[in-house]
Amino acid sequence: MKIYEALEWLKSNNNSSALASDRFGETVNAIKFVEKLYELGVLKVNVIGIQDEPERIEDEGGPYATSLIVDLPKDN
C-alpha cells in the first residue's frame, strides 16, 4: 500500500480533483482541509487508497486518492 504525507502529495498533484472528489470537489479544498487539521494540532495526515494508473494520470493530470489517515495527539 502506498502512503504519502497528504499536504505534500496534494500540492504536487496536477489532478484538479485529487482526493475524494465526492467530498472535497477540487484539490484546493482538500488542501485547505488538511491545512486546517494541522492547525488544530494533528501530528500527521497521510493519503492512502491511491489510484495511479497511467491512464488516469494521462486523463486527469495526476493520481487520485480516496482516503486520509490522521494521527492525533495523545492529549485532548
C-alpha atoms as a PDB file:
ATOM      1  CA  MET A   1       0.000   0.000   0.000  1.00  0.00           C
ATOM      2  CA  LYS A   2       1.314   3.430  -0.959  1.00  0.00           C
ATOM      3  CA  ILE A   3       1.181   6.106   1.751  1.00  0.00           C
ATOM      4  CA  TYR A   4       2.252   9.735   1.367  1.00  0.00           C
ATOM      5  CA  GLU A   5       2.092  12.823   3.566  1.00  0.00           C
ATOM      6  CA  ALA A   6      -1.140  14.416   2.388  1.00  0.00           C
ATOM      7  CA  LEU A   7      -0.255  18.089   2.109  1.00  0.00           C
ATOM      8  CA  GLU A   8       2.903  17.456   0.132  1.00  0.00           C
ATOM      9  CA  TRP A   9       1.146  14.918  -2.094  1.00  0.00           C
ATOM     10  CA  LEU A  10      -1.810  17.208  -2.774  1.00  0.00           C
ATOM     11  CA  LYS A  11       0.308  20.286  -3.508  1.00  0.00           C
ATOM     12  CA  SER A  12       2.462  18.388  -6.001  1.00  0.00           C
ATOM     13  CA  ASN A  13      -0.500  16.676  -7.698  1.00  0.00           C
ATOM     14  CA  ASN A  14      -1.747  18.082 -11.016  1.00  0.00           C
ATOM     15  CA  ASN A  15      -5.129  16.350 -10.752  1.00  0.00           C
ATOM     16  CA  SER A  16      -7.727  19.100 -10.273  1.00  0.00           C
ATOM     17  CA  SER A  17      -9.761  16.741  -8.039  1.00  0.00           C
ATOM     18  CA  ALA A  18      -7.073  14.584  -6.456  1.00  0.00           C
ATOM     19  CA  LEU A  19      -8.751  13.499  -3.197  1.00  0.00           C
ATOM     20  CA  ALA A  20     -12.231  12.144  -2.529  1.00  0.00           C
ATOM     21  CA  SER A  21     -13.868  14.353  -5.130  1.00  0.00           C
ATOM     22  CA  ASP A  22     -17.311  13.396  -3.785  1.00  0.00           C
ATOM     23  CA  ARG A  23     -16.319  15.102  -0.510  1.00  0.00           C
ATOM     24  CA  PHE A  24     -13.862  17.856  -1.468  1.00  0.00           C
ATOM     25  CA  GLY A  25     -14.536  18.590  -5.127  1.00  0.00           C
ATOM     26  CA  GLU A  26     -11.387  20.403  -6.203  1.00  0.00           C
ATOM     27  CA  THR A  27      -7.917  19.660  -4.839  1.00  0.00           C
ATOM     28  CA  VAL A  28      -7.670  23.159  -3.371  1.00  0.00           C
ATOM     29  CA  ASN A  29     -10.491  22.286  -0.952  1.00  0.00           C
ATOM     30  CA  ALA A  30      -8.705  19.133   0.161  1.00  0.00           C
ATOM     31  CA  ILE A  31      -5.525  21.168   0.739  1.00  0.00           C
ATOM     32  CA  LYS A  32      -7.447  23.644   2.917  1.00  0.00           C
ATOM     33  CA  PHE A  33      -8.937  20.759   4.924  1.00  0.00           C
ATOM     34  CA  VAL A  34      -5.536  19.162   5.563  1.00  0.00           C
ATOM     35  CA  GLU A  35      -4.018  22.525   6.491  1.00  0.00           C
ATOM     36  CA  LYS A  36      -6.853  23.039   8.998  1.00  0.00           C
ATOM     37  CA  LEU A  37      -6.197  19.620  10.533  1.00  0.00           C
ATOM     38  CA  TYR A  38      -2.563  20.611  11.105  1.00  0.00           C
ATOM     39  CA  GLU A  39      -3.688  23.957  12.577  1.00  0.00           C
ATOM     40  CA  LEU A  40      -5.873  22.015  15.013  1.00  0.00           C
ATOM     41  CA  GLY A  41      -2.854  20.040  16.196  1.00  0.00           C
ATOM     42  CA  VAL A  42      -2.870  16.712  14.387  1.00  0.00           C
ATOM     43  CA  LEU A  43       0.538  15.072  14.210  1.00  0.00           C
ATOM     44  CA  LYS A  44       0.422  13.834  10.644  1.00  0.00           C
ATOM     45  CA  VAL A  45      -2.006  13.391   7.767  1.00  0.00           C
ATOM     46  CA  ASN A  46      -1.340  10.690   5.200  1.00  0.00           C
ATOM     47  CA  VAL A  47      -3.139   9.968   1.970  1.00  0.00           C
ATOM     48  CA  ILE A  48      -3.998   6.344   1.118  1.00  0.00           C
ATOM     49  CA  GLY A  49      -6.109   4.490  -1.400  1.00  0.00           C
ATOM     50  CA  ILE A  50      -4.056   5.952  -4.213  1.00  0.00           C
ATOM     51  CA  GLN A  51      -5.081   5.180  -7.760  1.00  0.00           C
ATOM     52  CA  ASP A  52      -2.158   5.965 -10.032  1.00  0.00           C
ATOM     53  CA  GLU A  53      -2.773   4.034 -13.222  1.00  0.00           C
ATOM     54  CA  PRO A  54      -1.001   5.574 -16.242  1.00  0.00           C
ATOM     55  CA  GLU A  55      -4.364   6.118 -17.984  1.00  0.00           C
ATOM     56  CA  ARG A  56      -5.713   8.074 -15.000  1.00  0.00           C
ATOM     57  CA  ILE A  57      -2.629  10.244 -14.786  1.00  0.00           C
ATOM     58  CA  GLU A  58      -2.843  10.962 -18.505  1.00  0.00           C
ATOM     59  CA  ASP A  59      -6.596  11.712 -18.399  1.00  0.00           C
ATOM     60  CA  GLU A  60      -6.765  13.581 -15.067  1.00  0.00           C
ATOM     61  CA  GLY A  61      -3.271  15.055 -14.786  1.00  0.00           C
ATOM     62  CA  GLY A  62      -2.261  13.097 -11.709  1.00  0.00           C
ATOM     63  CA  PRO A  63      -3.163  10.297  -9.324  1.00  0.00           C
ATOM     64  CA  TYR A  64      -6.365  10.157  -7.276  1.00  0.00           C
ATOM     65  CA  ALA A  65      -6.809   9.074  -3.663  1.00  0.00           C
ATOM     66  CA  THR A  66      -9.840   8.028  -1.681  1.00  0.00           C
ATOM     67  CA  SER A  67      -8.842   8.341   1.980  1.00  0.00           C
ATOM     68  CA  LEU A  68      -6.791  10.015   4.676  1.00  0.00           C
ATOM     69  CA  ILE A  69      -5.214   8.631   7.822  1.00  0.00           C
ATOM     70  CA  VAL A  70      -4.954  11.234  10.577  1.00  0.00           C
ATOM     71  CA  ASP A  71      -2.557  10.759  13.509  1.00  0.00           C
ATOM     72  CA  LEU A  72      -3.977  12.520  16.547  1.00  0.00           C
ATOM     73  CA  PRO A  73      -2.003  13.680  19.584  1.00  0.00           C
ATOM     74  CA  LYS A  74      -2.453  11.709  22.799  1.00  0.00           C
ATOM     75  CA  ASP A  75      -3.854  14.681  24.733  1.00  0.00           C
ATOM     76  CA  ASN A  76      -7.126  16.434  24.016  1.00  0.00           C
END
